[in-house]
Every structure is written in structure tokens, then in C-alpha cells.
Amino acid sequence: MTPKLRFPEFREEWDLKNLGDVAVLINEKAGGKSYKLMSITAGVGLVSQIEKFGREIAGESYKNYYVIEKGDFAYNKSSTKQYPEGQIAILENEEIAAVPNSIFTCFRVDNKLVSPYFLKYPFDNNIHGNWLRKFIEVGARAHGALSVDTKDLFATPIYFPSLPEQQKSPPPSPPSTTSSPPKAKKSKPSKPIKKD
């Protein structure tokens, strides 16, 4: 399958993959190290806590914050008007940062298969939300936290062009996977990233 609009020099069909075929979970914790603390603003993406709240609000929970690097993704499991199933944002403006582990699932893509700067566009267009809404249950917390199983997130089907086409910017909109998409190949469980 291919989109209606694309770069004319590319002719290959786009491949359907699960997110879990090209991404792994990030479980590295901040511990005692110092990182810029990030939050998410609906429709904007990752911003520093100081920019959003006027101060850093981690407190004692800081040591459990996830550490992410430039090009990594953070899925905020809070429902907003623009992203009822939660928002996925890429870290673009910092080399390294940390986000709250209580409401974020973080992952890193294999740069040999996927350009993270291509993948941000389907997420901005809520491709994950269209897939996840049939699995999500609203959690007990009043602020709209969502109960999302990582295996359901990583089963999100996404069409990918070749890596050279992905590296064009901005890319065309990927084909929709919301209406009974062809079955993507079953992905193997992703192993968490461990760092010394």
C-alpha cells in the first residue's frame, strides 16, 4: 500500500509493521544523576517542567524518572481533548532528559529501520490513538490517566516507506490503518534497554 501523495522519485510499496517490530522499551532510571525534567503539553510536545509549571516538580519520585535521549519517544498516558488516548511526543530539542515514569511509556526506534523524525508525523496525527481506543480503559485517577498495556501500544500497525524516503522531510501522510488493516507480522517481545 502507498499514499496518494508521495515523493515522485520513490515507487516502492510501503510496508506494514507493528511498532514493536522497530522499537524497544526504555527503562533506564534517573537515579542520582541530574537531567532536565520534561513534561508534555497537548498539541505541542515535550517541554521542560520549568517552562510548563515555572519550576521542577519531581520531588522524591525523581530517581524513578525515565531517561530519554534525542530522537526517543515518550507516550503520555493522560487523556486530553486533542489526544483522548494519550499523546506520543519525540524528544527533539534536548540531547538527554527525564520524564515521569508514573504516566509515561518511553521507547527508542532502530535507526537502521526507521527515522524517528518520520515516525513523529503518524503520532502527531494520532495513529496510535485510533488503534488503542478499542483497548483502553480509563483509570481510577480523576485527571484522566489511562490504563494502556504496552503490548497493545507495540501492536500499533504503521506503514513505512524505505528508509531513504522516510528521511525526506516533511513526509507525506502515511496510509490509514484504522479500517481493518492487513495483519502485520507478529512482533517478538521487545527487550528493555539496559545501560550501565
C-alpha atoms as a PDB file:
ATOM      1  CA  MET A   1       0.000   0.000   0.000  1.00  0.00           C
ATOM      2  CA  THR A   2       1.155   3.545  -0.741  1.00  0.00           C
ATOM      3  CA  PRO A   3      -0.249   7.024  -0.014  1.00  0.00           C
ATOM      4  CA  LYS A   4      -1.871   9.074  -2.770  1.00  0.00           C
ATOM      5  CA  LEU A   5       0.747  11.812  -2.429  1.00  0.00           C
ATOM      6  CA  ARG A   6       4.427  10.964  -2.156  1.00  0.00           C
ATOM      7  CA  PHE A   7       7.824  11.968  -3.460  1.00  0.00           C
ATOM      8  CA  PRO A   8       7.955  11.208  -7.195  1.00  0.00           C
ATOM      9  CA  GLU A   9      11.366   9.506  -7.137  1.00  0.00           C
ATOM     10  CA  PHE A  10      10.051   6.688  -4.939  1.00  0.00           C
ATOM     11  CA  ARG A  11       7.942   3.845  -6.330  1.00  0.00           C
ATOM     12  CA  GLU A  12       8.212   1.019  -3.795  1.00  0.00           C
ATOM     13  CA  GLU A  13       5.209  -0.156  -1.805  1.00  0.00           C
ATOM     14  CA  TRP A  14       5.121   0.858   1.853  1.00  0.00           C
ATOM     15  CA  ASP A  15       5.488  -1.998   4.353  1.00  0.00           C
ATOM     16  CA  LEU A  16       3.082  -2.586   7.231  1.00  0.00           C
ATOM     17  CA  LYS A  17       4.848  -3.229  10.522  1.00  0.00           C
ATOM     18  CA  ASN A  18       3.913  -3.259  14.172  1.00  0.00           C
ATOM     19  CA  LEU A  19       5.525  -0.558  16.285  1.00  0.00           C
ATOM     20  CA  GLY A  20       7.132  -3.366  18.294  1.00  0.00           C
ATOM     21  CA  ASP A  21       8.985  -4.534  15.171  1.00  0.00           C
ATOM     22  CA  VAL A  22      11.032  -1.341  15.110  1.00  0.00           C
ATOM     23  CA  ALA A  23      11.089  -0.128  18.742  1.00  0.00           C
ATOM     24  CA  VAL A  24      12.245  -1.201  22.199  1.00  0.00           C
ATOM     25  CA  LEU A  25      11.203  -0.018  25.646  1.00  0.00           C
ATOM     26  CA  ILE A  26      13.400   2.359  27.610  1.00  0.00           C
ATOM     27  CA  ASN A  27      13.661   1.515  31.304  1.00  0.00           C
ATOM     28  CA  GLU A  28      16.755   3.472  32.334  1.00  0.00           C
ATOM     29  CA  LYS A  29      16.061   5.465  35.519  1.00  0.00           C
ATOM     30  CA  ALA A  30      17.484   8.844  36.511  1.00  0.00           C
ATOM     31  CA  GLY A  31      18.717   7.616  39.892  1.00  0.00           C
ATOM     32  CA  GLY A  32      21.086  10.169  41.410  1.00  0.00           C
ATOM     33  CA  LYS A  33      22.126  11.761  38.115  1.00  0.00           C
ATOM     34  CA  SER A  34      20.926  15.208  37.072  1.00  0.00           C
ATOM     35  CA  TYR A  35      18.780  15.658  33.952  1.00  0.00           C
ATOM     36  CA  LYS A  36      16.487  18.334  32.572  1.00  0.00           C
ATOM     37  CA  LEU A  37      12.966  17.333  33.577  1.00  0.00           C
ATOM     38  CA  MET A  38      10.333  17.298  30.872  1.00  0.00           C
ATOM     39  CA  SER A  39       6.558  17.262  30.742  1.00  0.00           C
ATOM     40  CA  ILE A  40       4.140  17.254  27.818  1.00  0.00           C
ATOM     41  CA  THR A  41       1.854  19.986  26.517  1.00  0.00           C
ATOM     42  CA  ALA A  42      -1.061  18.803  24.385  1.00  0.00           C
ATOM     43  CA  GLY A  43      -0.523  19.645  20.734  1.00  0.00           C
ATOM     44  CA  VAL A  44       2.999  20.940  21.417  1.00  0.00           C
ATOM     45  CA  GLY A  45       5.022  18.001  22.673  1.00  0.00           C
ATOM     46  CA  LEU A  46       7.761  17.676  25.253  1.00  0.00           C
ATOM     47  CA  VAL A  47       8.661  20.866  27.125  1.00  0.00           C
ATOM     48  CA  SER A  48      10.687  21.469  30.259  1.00  0.00           C
ATOM     49  CA  GLN A  49       8.833  21.371  33.544  1.00  0.00           C
ATOM     50  CA  ILE A  50      10.184  24.846  34.277  1.00  0.00           C
ATOM     51  CA  GLU A  51       8.654  26.143  31.048  1.00  0.00           C
ATOM     52  CA  LYS A  52       5.312  24.492  31.772  1.00  0.00           C
ATOM     53  CA  PHE A  53       4.978  24.847  35.542  1.00  0.00           C
ATOM     54  CA  GLY A  54       7.536  27.522  36.421  1.00  0.00           C
ATOM     55  CA  ARG A  55       9.530  25.003  38.458  1.00  0.00           C
ATOM     56  CA  GLU A  56      10.574  21.363  38.552  1.00  0.00           C
ATOM     57  CA  ILE A  57       8.021  19.234  40.386  1.00  0.00           C
ATOM     58  CA  ALA A  58       9.654  15.790  40.612  1.00  0.00           C
ATOM     59  CA  GLY A  59      10.375  15.685  44.339  1.00  0.00           C
ATOM     60  CA  GLU A  60      11.186  12.267  45.779  1.00  0.00           C
ATOM     61  CA  SER A  61       9.944  10.493  42.656  1.00  0.00           C
ATOM     62  CA  TYR A  62      12.792  11.935  40.546  1.00  0.00           C
ATOM     63  CA  LYS A  63      15.039   8.897  40.952  1.00  0.00           C
ATOM     64  CA  ASN A  64      12.445   6.771  39.106  1.00  0.00           C
ATOM     65  CA  TYR A  65      12.064   9.118  36.131  1.00  0.00           C
ATOM     66  CA  TYR A  66      12.848   7.533  32.749  1.00  0.00           C
ATOM     67  CA  VAL A  67      15.922   8.846  30.937  1.00  0.00           C
ATOM     68  CA  ILE A  68      15.393   9.565  27.231  1.00  0.00           C
ATOM     69  CA  GLU A  69      17.731  10.782  24.513  1.00  0.00           C
ATOM     70  CA  LYS A  70      17.237  12.912  21.416  1.00  0.00           C
ATOM     71  CA  GLY A  71      15.051  11.022  18.946  1.00  0.00           C
ATOM     72  CA  ASP A  72      13.383   8.884  21.637  1.00  0.00           C
ATOM     73  CA  PHE A  73       9.613   8.858  22.141  1.00  0.00           C
ATOM     74  CA  ALA A  74       7.547   9.368  25.277  1.00  0.00           C
ATOM     75  CA  TYR A  75       3.915   8.229  25.409  1.00  0.00           C
ATOM     76  CA  ASN A  76       1.920  10.251  27.926  1.00  0.00           C
ATOM     77  CA  LYS A  77      -0.957   8.134  29.231  1.00  0.00           C
ATOM     78  CA  SER A  78      -3.178  11.098  30.074  1.00  0.00           C
ATOM     79  CA  SER A  79      -6.333  11.837  28.122  1.00  0.00           C
ATOM     80  CA  THR A  80      -6.694  15.291  26.582  1.00  0.00           C
ATOM     81  CA  LYS A  81      -9.264  16.809  24.240  1.00  0.00           C
ATOM     82  CA  GLN A  82      -6.824  16.665  21.311  1.00  0.00           C
ATOM     83  CA  TYR A  83      -5.454  13.218  22.203  1.00  0.00           C
ATOM     84  CA  PRO A  84      -8.144  11.255  24.080  1.00  0.00           C
ATOM     85  CA  GLU A  85      -5.975   8.111  24.011  1.00  0.00           C
ATOM     86  CA  GLY A  86      -2.825   9.946  25.097  1.00  0.00           C
ATOM     87  CA  GLN A  87      -0.075  11.744  23.196  1.00  0.00           C
ATOM     88  CA  ILE A  88       3.229  10.419  21.871  1.00  0.00           C
ATOM     89  CA  ALA A  89       5.992  13.016  21.530  1.00  0.00           C
ATOM     90  CA  ILE A  90       9.576  12.902  20.334  1.00  0.00           C
ATOM     91  CA  LEU A  91      12.480  14.496  22.217  1.00  0.00           C
ATOM     92  CA  GLU A  92      13.828  16.963  19.660  1.00  0.00           C
ATOM     93  CA  ASN A  93      15.324  19.979  21.409  1.00  0.00           C
ATOM     94  CA  GLU A  94      17.434  18.299  24.102  1.00  0.00           C
ATOM     95  CA  GLU A  95      20.219  15.736  23.856  1.00  0.00           C
ATOM     96  CA  ILE A  96      19.054  13.954  27.005  1.00  0.00           C
ATOM     97  CA  ALA A  97      16.270  14.476  29.537  1.00  0.00           C
ATOM     98  CA  ALA A  98      13.996  12.690  32.008  1.00  0.00           C
ATOM     99  CA  VAL A  99      10.207  12.192  32.205  1.00  0.00           C
ATOM    100  CA  PRO A 100       7.906  10.891  34.971  1.00  0.00           C
ATOM    101  CA  ASN A 101       7.714   7.104  34.999  1.00  0.00           C
ATOM    102  CA  SER A 102       4.217   7.188  36.519  1.00  0.00           C
ATOM    103  CA  ILE A 103       2.460   8.399  33.368  1.00  0.00           C
ATOM    104  CA  PHE A 104       4.952   7.817  30.544  1.00  0.00           C
ATOM    105  CA  THR A 105       5.940   4.795  28.486  1.00  0.00           C
ATOM    106  CA  CYS A 106       9.180   5.505  26.625  1.00  0.00           C
ATOM    107  CA  PHE A 107      10.674   3.769  23.614  1.00  0.00           C
ATOM    108  CA  ARG A 108      13.502   4.036  21.093  1.00  0.00           C
ATOM    109  CA  VAL A 109      13.375   3.040  17.443  1.00  0.00           C
ATOM    110  CA  ASP A 110      16.022   1.187  15.469  1.00  0.00           C
ATOM    111  CA  ASN A 111      17.623   3.901  13.316  1.00  0.00           C
ATOM    112  CA  LYS A 112      18.654   1.281  10.759  1.00  0.00           C
ATOM    113  CA  LEU A 113      14.974   0.639  10.046  1.00  0.00           C
ATOM    114  CA  VAL A 114      13.148   3.826  10.943  1.00  0.00           C
ATOM    115  CA  SER A 115      13.803   7.548  11.033  1.00  0.00           C
ATOM    116  CA  PRO A 116      12.305   8.846  14.300  1.00  0.00           C
ATOM    117  CA  TYR A 117      11.619  12.155  12.560  1.00  0.00           C
ATOM    118  CA  PHE A 118       9.416  10.314  10.064  1.00  0.00           C
ATOM    119  CA  LEU A 119       7.586   8.438  12.811  1.00  0.00           C
ATOM    120  CA  LYS A 120       6.685  11.609  14.693  1.00  0.00           C
ATOM    121  CA  TYR A 121       4.209  12.555  11.938  1.00  0.00           C
ATOM    122  CA  PRO A 122       1.931   9.494  12.268  1.00  0.00           C
ATOM    123  CA  PHE A 123       1.964  10.008  16.034  1.00  0.00           C
ATOM    124  CA  ASP A 124       1.141  13.700  15.641  1.00  0.00           C
ATOM    125  CA  ASN A 125      -1.830  12.542  13.547  1.00  0.00           C
ATOM    126  CA  ASN A 126      -2.890  10.184  16.362  1.00  0.00           C
ATOM    127  CA  ILE A 127      -2.373   6.906  14.536  1.00  0.00           C
ATOM    128  CA  HIS A 128      -1.750   5.252  17.913  1.00  0.00           C
ATOM    129  CA  GLY A 129      -4.961   6.670  19.372  1.00  0.00           C
ATOM    130  CA  ASN A 130      -7.050   5.306  16.510  1.00  0.00           C
ATOM    131  CA  TRP A 131      -5.589   1.880  17.239  1.00  0.00           C
ATOM    132  CA  LEU A 132      -5.591   1.983  21.058  1.00  0.00           C
ATOM    133  CA  ARG A 133      -9.109   3.250  21.704  1.00  0.00           C
ATOM    134  CA  LYS A 134     -10.541  -0.262  21.492  1.00  0.00           C
ATOM    135  CA  PHE A 135      -8.159  -1.466  24.221  1.00  0.00           C
ATOM    136  CA  ILE A 136      -8.077   1.470  26.634  1.00  0.00           C
ATOM    137  CA  GLU A 137      -9.847   1.634  29.952  1.00  0.00           C
ATOM    138  CA  VAL A 138      -9.891   4.901  31.880  1.00  0.00           C
ATOM    139  CA  GLY A 139      -8.004   4.550  35.148  1.00  0.00           C
ATOM    140  CA  ALA A 140      -9.334   5.404  38.569  1.00  0.00           C
ATOM    141  CA  ARG A 141      -7.467   8.699  38.859  1.00  0.00           C
ATOM    142  CA  ALA A 142      -9.626  11.756  38.278  1.00  0.00           C
ATOM    143  CA  HIS A 143      -7.128  13.524  35.992  1.00  0.00           C
ATOM    144  CA  GLY A 144      -7.836  11.084  33.165  1.00  0.00           C
ATOM    145  CA  ALA A 145      -4.925   8.656  33.407  1.00  0.00           C
ATOM    146  CA  LEU A 146      -5.317   5.737  31.022  1.00  0.00           C
ATOM    147  CA  SER A 147      -4.673   2.062  31.569  1.00  0.00           C
ATOM    148  CA  VAL A 148      -2.651   1.035  28.500  1.00  0.00           C
ATOM    149  CA  ASP A 149      -0.917  -2.299  28.068  1.00  0.00           C
ATOM    150  CA  THR A 150       2.476  -1.920  26.390  1.00  0.00           C
ATOM    151  CA  LYS A 151       1.798  -4.953  24.202  1.00  0.00           C
ATOM    152  CA  ASP A 152      -1.230  -3.138  22.760  1.00  0.00           C
ATOM    153  CA  LEU A 153       0.819   0.001  22.136  1.00  0.00           C
ATOM    154  CA  PHE A 154       3.558  -2.023  20.449  1.00  0.00           C
ATOM    155  CA  ALA A 155       0.959  -3.781  18.286  1.00  0.00           C
ATOM    156  CA  THR A 156       0.046  -0.458  16.630  1.00  0.00           C
ATOM    157  CA  PRO A 157       0.217  -1.056  12.850  1.00  0.00           C
ATOM    158  CA  ILE A 158       2.079   1.582  10.849  1.00  0.00           C
ATOM    159  CA  TYR A 159       3.010   1.763   7.175  1.00  0.00           C
ATOM    160  CA  PHE A 160       6.663   2.541   6.498  1.00  0.00           C
ATOM    161  CA  PRO A 161       8.360   3.526   3.242  1.00  0.00           C
ATOM    162  CA  SER A 162      12.019   2.764   2.596  1.00  0.00           C
ATOM    163  CA  LEU A 163      14.477   4.494   4.918  1.00  0.00           C
ATOM    164  CA  PRO A 164      15.658   6.947   2.198  1.00  0.00           C
ATOM    165  CA  GLU A 165      12.051   8.016   1.646  1.00  0.00           C
ATOM    166  CA  GLN A 166      11.495   8.344   5.393  1.00  0.00           C
ATOM    167  CA  GLN A 167      14.471  10.660   5.600  1.00  0.00           C
ATOM    168  CA  LYS A 168      12.788  13.148   3.298  1.00  0.00           C
ATOM    169  CA  SER A 169      11.182  15.975   5.287  1.00  0.00           C
ATOM    170  CA  PRO A 170       8.324  16.547   5.690  1.00  0.00           C
ATOM    171  CA  PRO A 171       6.961  13.145   4.632  1.00  0.00           C
ATOM    172  CA  PRO A 172       3.549  12.604   3.056  1.00  0.00           C
ATOM    173  CA  SER A 173       0.790  11.335   5.343  1.00  0.00           C
ATOM    174  CA  PRO A 174       1.049   7.563   5.801  1.00  0.00           C
ATOM    175  CA  PRO A 175      -1.851   5.374   4.689  1.00  0.00           C
ATOM    176  CA  SER A 176      -4.561   4.909   7.299  1.00  0.00           C
ATOM    177  CA  THR A 177      -4.563   1.740   9.387  1.00  0.00           C
ATOM    178  CA  THR A 178      -7.860   2.452  11.137  1.00  0.00           C
ATOM    179  CA  SER A 179     -10.201   0.395   8.941  1.00  0.00           C
ATOM    180  CA  SER A 180      -9.402  -3.316   9.231  1.00  0.00           C
ATOM    181  CA  PRO A 181      -5.722  -3.056   8.258  1.00  0.00           C
ATOM    182  CA  PRO A 182      -3.909  -6.001   6.724  1.00  0.00           C
ATOM    183  CA  LYS A 183      -2.443  -8.100   9.508  1.00  0.00           C
ATOM    184  CA  ALA A 184       1.123  -7.108  10.284  1.00  0.00           C
ATOM    185  CA  LYS A 185       3.584  -9.816  11.087  1.00  0.00           C
ATOM    186  CA  LYS A 186       3.659 -10.830  14.723  1.00  0.00           C
ATOM    187  CA  SER A 187       6.386  -8.974  16.574  1.00  0.00           C
ATOM    188  CA  LYS A 188       8.687 -10.603  19.060  1.00  0.00           C
ATOM    189  CA  PRO A 189       8.585  -9.223  22.633  1.00  0.00           C
ATOM    190  CA  SER A 190      10.912  -6.248  22.885  1.00  0.00           C
ATOM    191  CA  LYS A 191      13.705  -6.351  25.394  1.00  0.00           C
ATOM    192  CA  PRO A 192      14.209  -3.321  27.658  1.00  0.00           C
ATOM    193  CA  ILE A 193      17.274  -1.191  27.043  1.00  0.00           C
ATOM    194  CA  LYS A 194      19.799  -1.532  29.833  1.00  0.00           C
ATOM    195  CA  LYS A 195      22.666   0.834  30.445  1.00  0.00           C
ATOM    196  CA  ASP A 196      25.490   0.700  32.932  1.00  0.00           C
END
